[in-house]
Amino acid sequence: MPSVAEDKAITAAARADKDAQPLTPAQLKAMVPMKALRGRPKSDNKKLLVSVRYSPEVVAYFKSTGDGWQSRMDGVLQRYVHRHSKQA
């Protein structure tokens, strides 16, 4: 770590260089770790990761509908649950 005198000298040199200005307190406060910016955004509708076995015909059908087939499959199952939970 630099001493107080060295820190002042470094800061003065940085302020003298118009291309290398120190960050303002507001800029420092607005910074976010890169780790927080990676990956998919967090969903409000969290889903569970499970291992399930389906018949080959069911998987082949949904895959044949193109990208997003897993979400469509989830939608079909959600509608089934919705319909059948009202009857109970």
PDB file of N, CA and C in Angstrom:
ATOM      1  N   MET A   1       0.848  -1.177   0.000  1.00  0.00           N
ATOM      2  CA  MET A   1       0.000   0.000   0.000  1.00  0.00           C
ATOM      3  C   MET A   1       0.895   1.243   0.000  1.00  0.00           C
ATOM      4  N   PRO A   2       0.525   2.240  -0.803  1.00  0.00           N
ATOM      5  CA  PRO A   2       1.326   3.464  -0.812  1.00  0.00           C
ATOM      6  C   PRO A   2       1.120   4.253   0.477  1.00  0.00           C
ATOM      7  N   SER A   3       2.136   5.015   0.816  1.00  0.00           N
ATOM      8  CA  SER A   3       2.013   5.890   1.982  1.00  0.00           C
ATOM      9  C   SER A   3       1.071   7.043   1.622  1.00  0.00           C
ATOM     10  N   VAL A   4       0.715   7.848   2.605  1.00  0.00           N
ATOM     11  CA  VAL A   4      -0.174   8.980   2.365  1.00  0.00           C
ATOM     12  C   VAL A   4       0.459   9.937   1.353  1.00  0.00           C
ATOM     13  N   ALA A   5       1.763  10.198   1.513  1.00  0.00           N
ATOM     14  CA  ALA A   5       2.465  11.109   0.592  1.00  0.00           C
ATOM     15  C   ALA A   5       2.497  10.524  -0.829  1.00  0.00           C
ATOM     16  N   GLU A   6       2.771   9.213  -0.938  1.00  0.00           N
ATOM     17  CA  GLU A   6       2.790   8.573  -2.255  1.00  0.00           C
ATOM     18  C   GLU A   6       1.398   8.593  -2.903  1.00  0.00           C
ATOM     19  N   ASP A   7       0.366   8.367  -2.100  1.00  0.00           N
ATOM     20  CA  ASP A   7      -1.000   8.386  -2.617  1.00  0.00           C
ATOM     21  C   ASP A   7      -1.347   9.772  -3.153  1.00  0.00           C
ATOM     22  N   LYS A   8      -0.940  10.819  -2.434  1.00  0.00           N
ATOM     23  CA  LYS A   8      -1.199  12.190  -2.888  1.00  0.00           C
ATOM     24  C   LYS A   8      -0.461  12.468  -4.191  1.00  0.00           C
ATOM     25  N   ALA A   9       0.771  11.984  -4.312  1.00  0.00           N
ATOM     26  CA  ALA A   9       1.553  12.187  -5.527  1.00  0.00           C
ATOM     27  C   ALA A   9       0.917  11.445  -6.709  1.00  0.00           C
ATOM     28  N   ILE A  10       0.458  10.235  -6.461  1.00  0.00           N
ATOM     29  CA  ILE A  10      -0.197   9.452  -7.515  1.00  0.00           C
ATOM     30  C   ILE A  10      -1.484  10.153  -7.959  1.00  0.00           C
ATOM     31  N   THR A  11      -2.286  10.603  -6.997  1.00  0.00           N
ATOM     32  CA  THR A  11      -3.543  11.285  -7.309  1.00  0.00           C
ATOM     33  C   THR A  11      -3.277  12.573  -8.084  1.00  0.00           C
ATOM     34  N   ALA A  12      -2.252  13.343  -7.666  1.00  0.00           N
ATOM     35  CA  ALA A  12      -1.921  14.591  -8.370  1.00  0.00           C
ATOM     36  C   ALA A  12      -1.482  14.302  -9.801  1.00  0.00           C
ATOM     37  N   ALA A  13      -0.699  13.246  -9.996  1.00  0.00           N
ATOM     38  CA  ALA A  13      -0.249  12.887 -11.340  1.00  0.00           C
ATOM     39  C   ALA A  13      -1.435  12.447 -12.201  1.00  0.00           C
ATOM     40  N   ALA A  14      -2.357  11.707 -11.616  1.00  0.00           N
ATOM     41  CA  ALA A  14      -3.527  11.248 -12.358  1.00  0.00           C
ATOM     42  C   ALA A  14      -4.412  12.421 -12.751  1.00  0.00           C
ATOM     43  N   ARG A  15      -4.580  13.377 -11.845  1.00  0.00           N
ATOM     44  CA  ARG A  15      -5.416  14.551 -12.153  1.00  0.00           C
ATOM     45  C   ARG A  15      -4.789  15.424 -13.223  1.00  0.00           C
ATOM     46  N   ALA A  16      -3.479  15.396 -13.329  1.00  0.00           N
ATOM     47  CA  ALA A  16      -2.787  16.188 -14.346  1.00  0.00           C
ATOM     48  C   ALA A  16      -2.943  15.570 -15.736  1.00  0.00           C
ATOM     49  N   ASP A  17      -3.223  14.277 -15.797  1.00  0.00           N
ATOM     50  CA  ASP A  17      -3.398  13.575 -17.069  1.00  0.00           C
ATOM     51  C   ASP A  17      -4.884  13.559 -17.416  1.00  0.00           C
ATOM     52  N   LYS A  18      -5.277  14.334 -18.435  1.00  0.00           N
ATOM     53  CA  LYS A  18      -6.701  14.436 -18.772  1.00  0.00           C
ATOM     54  C   LYS A  18      -7.294  13.106 -19.251  1.00  0.00           C
ATOM     55  N   ASP A  19      -6.475  12.169 -19.704  1.00  0.00           N
ATOM     56  CA  ASP A  19      -6.957  10.872 -20.173  1.00  0.00           C
ATOM     57  C   ASP A  19      -7.025   9.820 -19.069  1.00  0.00           C
ATOM     58  N   ALA A  20      -6.578  10.154 -17.875  1.00  0.00           N
ATOM     59  CA  ALA A  20      -6.552   9.170 -16.781  1.00  0.00           C
ATOM     60  C   ALA A  20      -7.056   9.797 -15.492  1.00  0.00           C
ATOM     61  N   GLN A  21      -8.259  10.331 -15.528  1.00  0.00           N
ATOM     62  CA  GLN A  21      -8.822  10.961 -14.335  1.00  0.00           C
ATOM     63  C   GLN A  21      -9.284   9.906 -13.332  1.00  0.00           C
ATOM     64  N   PRO A  22      -9.077  10.167 -12.034  1.00  0.00           N
ATOM     65  CA  PRO A  22      -9.577   9.222 -11.024  1.00  0.00           C
ATOM     66  C   PRO A  22     -11.104   9.167 -11.057  1.00  0.00           C
ATOM     67  N   LEU A  23     -11.630   8.044 -10.658  1.00  0.00           N
ATOM     68  CA  LEU A  23     -13.083   7.893 -10.614  1.00  0.00           C
ATOM     69  C   LEU A  23     -13.654   8.744  -9.486  1.00  0.00           C
ATOM     70  N   THR A  24     -14.821   9.306  -9.744  1.00  0.00           N
ATOM     71  CA  THR A  24     -15.501  10.090  -8.707  1.00  0.00           C
ATOM     72  C   THR A  24     -16.165   9.128  -7.724  1.00  0.00           C
ATOM     73  N   PRO A  25     -16.507   9.597  -6.528  1.00  0.00           N
ATOM     74  CA  PRO A  25     -17.208   8.725  -5.581  1.00  0.00           C
ATOM     75  C   PRO A  25     -18.515   8.159  -6.161  1.00  0.00           C
ATOM     76  N   ALA A  26     -19.225   8.970  -6.962  1.00  0.00           N
ATOM     77  CA  ALA A  26     -20.467   8.479  -7.573  1.00  0.00           C
ATOM     78  C   ALA A  26     -20.171   7.355  -8.560  1.00  0.00           C
ATOM     79  N   GLN A  27     -19.091   7.475  -9.338  1.00  0.00           N
ATOM     80  CA  GLN A  27     -18.718   6.426 -10.285  1.00  0.00           C
ATOM     81  C   GLN A  27     -18.325   5.146  -9.545  1.00  0.00           C
ATOM     82  N   LEU A  28     -17.571   5.295  -8.469  1.00  0.00           N
ATOM     83  CA  LEU A  28     -17.168   4.124  -7.681  1.00  0.00           C
ATOM     84  C   LEU A  28     -18.391   3.426  -7.082  1.00  0.00           C
ATOM     85  N   LYS A  29     -19.355   4.219  -6.607  1.00  0.00           N
ATOM     86  CA  LYS A  29     -20.553   3.648  -5.990  1.00  0.00           C
ATOM     87  C   LYS A  29     -21.395   2.901  -7.022  1.00  0.00           C
ATOM     88  N   ALA A  30     -21.400   3.366  -8.278  1.00  0.00           N
ATOM     89  CA  ALA A  30     -22.204   2.753  -9.332  1.00  0.00           C
ATOM     90  C   ALA A  30     -21.583   1.482  -9.897  1.00  0.00           C
ATOM     91  N   MET A  31     -20.350   1.189  -9.551  1.00  0.00           N
ATOM     92  CA  MET A  31     -19.673   0.013 -10.100  1.00  0.00           C
ATOM     93  C   MET A  31     -20.277  -1.275  -9.537  1.00  0.00           C
ATOM     94  N   VAL A  32     -20.356  -2.294 -10.383  1.00  0.00           N
ATOM     95  CA  VAL A  32     -20.874  -3.605  -9.981  1.00  0.00           C
ATOM     96  C   VAL A  32     -19.834  -4.655 -10.355  1.00  0.00           C
ATOM     97  N   PRO A  33     -19.642  -5.676  -9.530  1.00  0.00           N
ATOM     98  CA  PRO A  33     -18.693  -6.726  -9.892  1.00  0.00           C
ATOM     99  C   PRO A  33     -19.089  -7.393 -11.205  1.00  0.00           C
ATOM    100  N   MET A  34     -18.113  -7.751 -12.030  1.00  0.00           N
ATOM    101  CA  MET A  34     -18.387  -8.406 -13.312  1.00  0.00           C
ATOM    102  C   MET A  34     -19.193  -9.686 -13.117  1.00  0.00           C
ATOM    103  N   LYS A  35     -18.959 -10.384 -12.028  1.00  0.00           N
ATOM    104  CA  LYS A  35     -19.668 -11.633 -11.765  1.00  0.00           C
ATOM    105  C   LYS A  35     -21.179 -11.400 -11.739  1.00  0.00           C
ATOM    106  N   ALA A  36     -21.608 -10.222 -11.264  1.00  0.00           N
ATOM    107  CA  ALA A  36     -23.035  -9.921 -11.182  1.00  0.00           C
ATOM    108  C   ALA A  36     -23.640  -9.679 -12.563  1.00  0.00           C
ATOM    109  N   LEU A  37     -22.825  -9.384 -13.560  1.00  0.00           N
ATOM    110  CA  LEU A  37     -23.327  -9.084 -14.898  1.00  0.00           C
ATOM    111  C   LEU A  37     -23.362 -10.302 -15.806  1.00  0.00           C
ATOM    112  N   ARG A  38     -22.758 -11.403 -15.385  1.00  0.00           N
ATOM    113  CA  ARG A  38     -22.681 -12.597 -16.222  1.00  0.00           C
ATOM    114  C   ARG A  38     -23.921 -13.459 -16.092  1.00  0.00           C
ATOM    115  N   GLY A  39     -24.148 -14.260 -17.114  1.00  0.00           N
ATOM    116  CA  GLY A  39     -25.205 -15.254 -17.065  1.00  0.00           C
ATOM    117  C   GLY A  39     -26.573 -14.692 -17.378  1.00  0.00           C
ATOM    118  N   ARG A  40     -27.557 -15.551 -17.240  1.00  0.00           N
ATOM    119  CA  ARG A  40     -28.932 -15.156 -17.516  1.00  0.00           C
ATOM    120  C   ARG A  40     -29.467 -14.329 -16.369  1.00  0.00           C
ATOM    121  N   PRO A  41     -30.392 -13.440 -16.669  1.00  0.00           N
ATOM    122  CA  PRO A  41     -31.002 -12.676 -15.576  1.00  0.00           C
ATOM    123  C   PRO A  41     -31.790 -13.601 -14.652  1.00  0.00           C
ATOM    124  N   LYS A  42     -31.851 -13.253 -13.398  1.00  0.00           N
ATOM    125  CA  LYS A  42     -32.604 -14.052 -12.434  1.00  0.00           C
ATOM    126  C   LYS A  42     -34.092 -13.940 -12.740  1.00  0.00           C
ATOM    127  N   SER A  43     -34.772 -15.057 -12.725  1.00  0.00           N
ATOM    128  CA  SER A  43     -36.194 -15.095 -13.029  1.00  0.00           C
ATOM    129  C   SER A  43     -37.009 -14.997 -11.748  1.00  0.00           C
ATOM    130  N   ASP A  44     -38.144 -14.298 -11.838  1.00  0.00           N
ATOM    131  CA  ASP A  44     -39.070 -14.264 -10.706  1.00  0.00           C
ATOM    132  C   ASP A  44     -39.793 -15.596 -10.575  1.00  0.00           C
ATOM    133  N   ASN A  45     -39.884 -16.325 -11.693  1.00  0.00           N
ATOM    134  CA  ASN A  45     -40.554 -17.617 -11.718  1.00  0.00           C
ATOM    135  C   ASN A  45     -39.485 -18.707 -11.731  1.00  0.00           C
ATOM    136  N   LYS A  46     -38.980 -19.036 -10.557  1.00  0.00           N
ATOM    137  CA  LYS A  46     -37.906 -20.034 -10.477  1.00  0.00           C
ATOM    138  C   LYS A  46     -38.455 -21.422 -10.772  1.00  0.00           C
ATOM    139  N   LYS A  47     -37.686 -22.178 -11.531  1.00  0.00           N
ATOM    140  CA  LYS A  47     -38.078 -23.540 -11.877  1.00  0.00           C
ATOM    141  C   LYS A  47     -37.128 -24.528 -11.208  1.00  0.00           C
ATOM    142  N   LEU A  48     -37.603 -25.718 -10.999  1.00  0.00           N
ATOM    143  CA  LEU A  48     -36.811 -26.762 -10.361  1.00  0.00           C
ATOM    144  C   LEU A  48     -36.135 -27.623 -11.412  1.00  0.00           C
ATOM    145  N   LEU A  49     -34.908 -27.994 -11.151  1.00  0.00           N
ATOM    146  CA  LEU A  49     -34.195 -28.911 -12.028  1.00  0.00           C
ATOM    147  C   LEU A  49     -34.476 -30.325 -11.538  1.00  0.00           C
ATOM    148  N   VAL A  50     -35.099 -31.127 -12.402  1.00  0.00           N
ATOM    149  CA  VAL A  50     -35.424 -32.512 -12.048  1.00  0.00           C
ATOM    150  C   VAL A  50     -35.025 -33.425 -13.200  1.00  0.00           C
ATOM    151  N   SER A  51     -34.902 -34.682 -12.883  1.00  0.00           N
ATOM    152  CA  SER A  51     -34.619 -35.682 -13.909  1.00  0.00           C
ATOM    153  C   SER A  51     -35.884 -36.501 -14.098  1.00  0.00           C
ATOM    154  N   VAL A  52     -36.401 -36.504 -15.327  1.00  0.00           N
ATOM    155  CA  VAL A  52     -37.652 -37.188 -15.626  1.00  0.00           C
ATOM    156  C   VAL A  52     -37.461 -38.013 -16.888  1.00  0.00           C
ATOM    157  N   ARG A  53     -38.139 -39.149 -16.967  1.00  0.00           N
ATOM    158  CA  ARG A  53     -38.090 -39.976 -18.173  1.00  0.00           C
ATOM    159  C   ARG A  53     -39.427 -39.863 -18.896  1.00  0.00           C
ATOM    160  N   TYR A  54     -39.375 -39.486 -20.177  1.00  0.00           N
ATOM    161  CA  TYR A  54     -40.566 -39.411 -21.018  1.00  0.00           C
ATOM    162  C   TYR A  54     -40.441 -40.435 -22.136  1.00  0.00           C
ATOM    163  N   SER A  55     -41.569 -40.827 -22.694  1.00  0.00           N
ATOM    164  CA  SER A  55     -41.516 -41.765 -23.819  1.00  0.00           C
ATOM    165  C   SER A  55     -40.872 -41.062 -25.013  1.00  0.00           C
ATOM    166  N   PRO A  56     -40.170 -41.816 -25.843  1.00  0.00           N
ATOM    167  CA  PRO A  56     -39.485 -41.223 -26.994  1.00  0.00           C
ATOM    168  C   PRO A  56     -40.422 -40.446 -27.919  1.00  0.00           C
ATOM    169  N   GLU A  57     -41.669 -40.917 -28.050  1.00  0.00           N
ATOM    170  CA  GLU A  57     -42.623 -40.241 -28.929  1.00  0.00           C
ATOM    171  C   GLU A  57     -42.947 -38.831 -28.422  1.00  0.00           C
ATOM    172  N   VAL A  58     -43.086 -38.705 -27.105  1.00  0.00           N
ATOM    173  CA  VAL A  58     -43.408 -37.392 -26.514  1.00  0.00           C
ATOM    174  C   VAL A  58     -42.254 -36.430 -26.750  1.00  0.00           C
ATOM    175  N   VAL A  59     -41.044 -36.867 -26.467  1.00  0.00           N
ATOM    176  CA  VAL A  59     -39.870 -36.005 -26.650  1.00  0.00           C
ATOM    177  C   VAL A  59     -39.684 -35.662 -28.124  1.00  0.00           C
ATOM    178  N   ALA A  60     -39.837 -36.649 -29.000  1.00  0.00           N
ATOM    179  CA  ALA A  60     -39.684 -36.404 -30.442  1.00  0.00           C
ATOM    180  C   ALA A  60     -40.701 -35.379 -30.926  1.00  0.00           C
ATOM    181  N   TYR A  61     -41.949 -35.486 -30.452  1.00  0.00           N
ATOM    182  CA  TYR A  61     -42.972 -34.537 -30.871  1.00  0.00           C
ATOM    183  C   TYR A  61     -42.588 -33.115 -30.465  1.00  0.00           C
ATOM    184  N   PHE A  62     -42.283 -32.930 -29.190  1.00  0.00           N
ATOM    185  CA  PHE A  62     -41.986 -31.574 -28.726  1.00  0.00           C
ATOM    186  C   PHE A  62     -40.718 -31.027 -29.378  1.00  0.00           C
ATOM    187  N   LYS A  63     -39.700 -31.859 -29.563  1.00  0.00           N
ATOM    188  CA  LYS A  63     -38.484 -31.401 -30.242  1.00  0.00           C
ATOM    189  C   LYS A  63     -38.779 -30.988 -31.687  1.00  0.00           C
ATOM    190  N   SER A  64     -39.723 -31.675 -32.317  1.00  0.00           N
ATOM    191  CA  SER A  64     -40.053 -31.361 -33.718  1.00  0.00           C
ATOM    192  C   SER A  64     -40.724 -29.994 -33.854  1.00  0.00           C
ATOM    193  N   THR A  65     -41.180 -29.429 -32.733  1.00  0.00           N
ATOM    194  CA  THR A  65     -41.827 -28.114 -32.793  1.00  0.00           C
ATOM    195  C   THR A  65     -40.803 -26.978 -32.779  1.00  0.00           C
ATOM    196  N   GLY A  66     -39.521 -27.321 -32.667  1.00  0.00           N
ATOM    197  CA  GLY A  66     -38.459 -26.313 -32.767  1.00  0.00           C
ATOM    198  C   GLY A  66     -37.975 -25.787 -31.428  1.00  0.00           C
ATOM    199  N   ASP A  67     -37.161 -24.718 -31.519  1.00  0.00           N
ATOM    200  CA  ASP A  67     -36.602 -24.107 -30.308  1.00  0.00           C
ATOM    201  C   ASP A  67     -37.707 -23.712 -29.342  1.00  0.00           C
ATOM    202  N   GLY A  68     -37.432 -23.884 -28.073  1.00  0.00           N
ATOM    203  CA  GLY A  68     -38.415 -23.566 -27.049  1.00  0.00           C
ATOM    204  C   GLY A  68     -39.333 -24.732 -26.722  1.00  0.00           C
ATOM    205  N   TRP A  69     -38.978 -25.919 -27.228  1.00  0.00           N
ATOM    206  CA  TRP A  69     -39.847 -27.085 -27.027  1.00  0.00           C
ATOM    207  C   TRP A  69     -40.008 -27.418 -25.558  1.00  0.00           C
ATOM    208  N   GLN A  70     -38.982 -27.179 -24.746  1.00  0.00           N
ATOM    209  CA  GLN A  70     -39.090 -27.508 -23.320  1.00  0.00           C
ATOM    210  C   GLN A  70     -40.076 -26.566 -22.626  1.00  0.00           C
ATOM    211  N   SER A  71     -40.062 -25.289 -23.028  1.00  0.00           N
ATOM    212  CA  SER A  71     -41.016 -24.332 -22.457  1.00  0.00           C
ATOM    213  C   SER A  71     -42.436 -24.686 -22.870  1.00  0.00           C
ATOM    214  N   ARG A  72     -42.618 -25.108 -24.120  1.00  0.00           N
ATOM    215  CA  ARG A  72     -43.952 -25.526 -24.563  1.00  0.00           C
ATOM    216  C   ARG A  72     -44.420 -26.757 -23.793  1.00  0.00           C
ATOM    217  N   MET A  73     -43.511 -27.674 -23.553  1.00  0.00           N
ATOM    218  CA  MET A  73     -43.848 -28.877 -22.794  1.00  0.00           C
ATOM    219  C   MET A  73     -44.262 -28.475 -21.367  1.00  0.00           C
ATOM    220  N   ASP A  74     -43.545 -27.549 -20.788  1.00  0.00           N
ATOM    221  CA  ASP A  74     -43.879 -27.046 -19.455  1.00  0.00           C
ATOM    222  C   ASP A  74     -45.268 -26.400 -19.469  1.00  0.00           C
ATOM    223  N   GLY A  75     -45.572 -25.658 -20.526  1.00  0.00           N
ATOM    224  CA  GLY A  75     -46.881 -25.021 -20.638  1.00  0.00           C
ATOM    225  C   GLY A  75     -48.007 -26.036 -20.688  1.00  0.00           C
ATOM    226  N   VAL A  76     -47.805 -27.116 -21.429  1.00  0.00           N
ATOM    227  CA  VAL A  76     -48.821 -28.175 -21.510  1.00  0.00           C
ATOM    228  C   VAL A  76     -49.034 -28.781 -20.126  1.00  0.00           C
ATOM    229  N   LEU A  77     -47.973 -29.049 -19.423  1.00  0.00           N
ATOM    230  CA  LEU A  77     -48.089 -29.631 -18.080  1.00  0.00           C
ATOM    231  C   LEU A  77     -48.741 -28.646 -17.104  1.00  0.00           C
ATOM    232  N   GLN A  78     -48.432 -27.367 -17.238  1.00  0.00           N
ATOM    233  CA  GLN A  78     -49.064 -26.362 -16.363  1.00  0.00           C
ATOM    234  C   GLN A  78     -50.570 -26.301 -16.599  1.00  0.00           C
ATOM    235  N   ARG A  79     -50.991 -26.339 -17.871  1.00  0.00           N
ATOM    236  CA  ARG A  79     -52.423 -26.317 -18.175  1.00  0.00           C
ATOM    237  C   ARG A  79     -53.115 -27.566 -17.602  1.00  0.00           C
ATOM    238  N   TYR A  80     -52.443 -28.704 -17.693  1.00  0.00           N
ATOM    239  CA  TYR A  80     -52.994 -29.942 -17.142  1.00  0.00           C
ATOM    240  C   TYR A  80     -53.200 -29.798 -15.631  1.00  0.00           C
ATOM    241  N   VAL A  81     -52.190 -29.306 -14.953  1.00  0.00           N
ATOM    242  CA  VAL A  81     -52.276 -29.132 -13.497  1.00  0.00           C
ATOM    243  C   VAL A  81     -53.379 -28.140 -13.151  1.00  0.00           C
ATOM    244  N   HIS A  82     -53.469 -27.056 -13.896  1.00  0.00           N
ATOM    245  CA  HIS A  82     -54.491 -26.040 -13.635  1.00  0.00           C
ATOM    246  C   HIS A  82     -55.899 -26.623 -13.774  1.00  0.00           C
ATOM    247  N   ARG A  83     -56.124 -27.368 -14.861  1.00  0.00           N
ATOM    248  CA  ARG A  83     -57.448 -27.965 -15.098  1.00  0.00           C
ATOM    249  C   ARG A  83     -57.806 -28.985 -14.024  1.00  0.00           C
ATOM    250  N   HIS A  84     -56.820 -29.819 -13.660  1.00  0.00           N
ATOM    251  CA  HIS A  84     -57.119 -30.913 -12.743  1.00  0.00           C
ATOM    252  C   HIS A  84     -57.109 -30.483 -11.280  1.00  0.00           C
ATOM    253  N   SER A  85     -56.463 -29.420 -10.949  1.00  0.00           N
ATOM    254  CA  SER A  85     -56.456 -28.978  -9.549  1.00  0.00           C
ATOM    255  C   SER A  85     -57.768 -28.282  -9.198  1.00  0.00           C
ATOM    256  N   LYS A  86     -58.519 -27.768 -10.187  1.00  0.00           N
ATOM    257  CA  LYS A  86     -59.827 -27.144  -9.924  1.00  0.00           C
ATOM    258  C   LYS A  86     -60.879 -28.213  -9.621  1.00  0.00           C
ATOM    259  N   GLN A  87     -60.708 -29.404 -10.163  1.00  0.00           N
ATOM    260  CA  GLN A  87     -61.690 -30.474  -9.960  1.00  0.00           C
ATOM    261  C   GLN A  87     -61.567 -31.100  -8.588  1.00  0.00           C
ATOM    262  N   ALA A  88     -60.431 -30.962  -7.959  1.00  0.00           N
ATOM    263  CA  ALA A  88     -60.211 -31.627  -6.662  1.00  0.00           C
ATOM    264  C   ALA A  88     -60.925 -30.943  -5.534  1.00  0.00           C
TER     265      ALA A  88
END
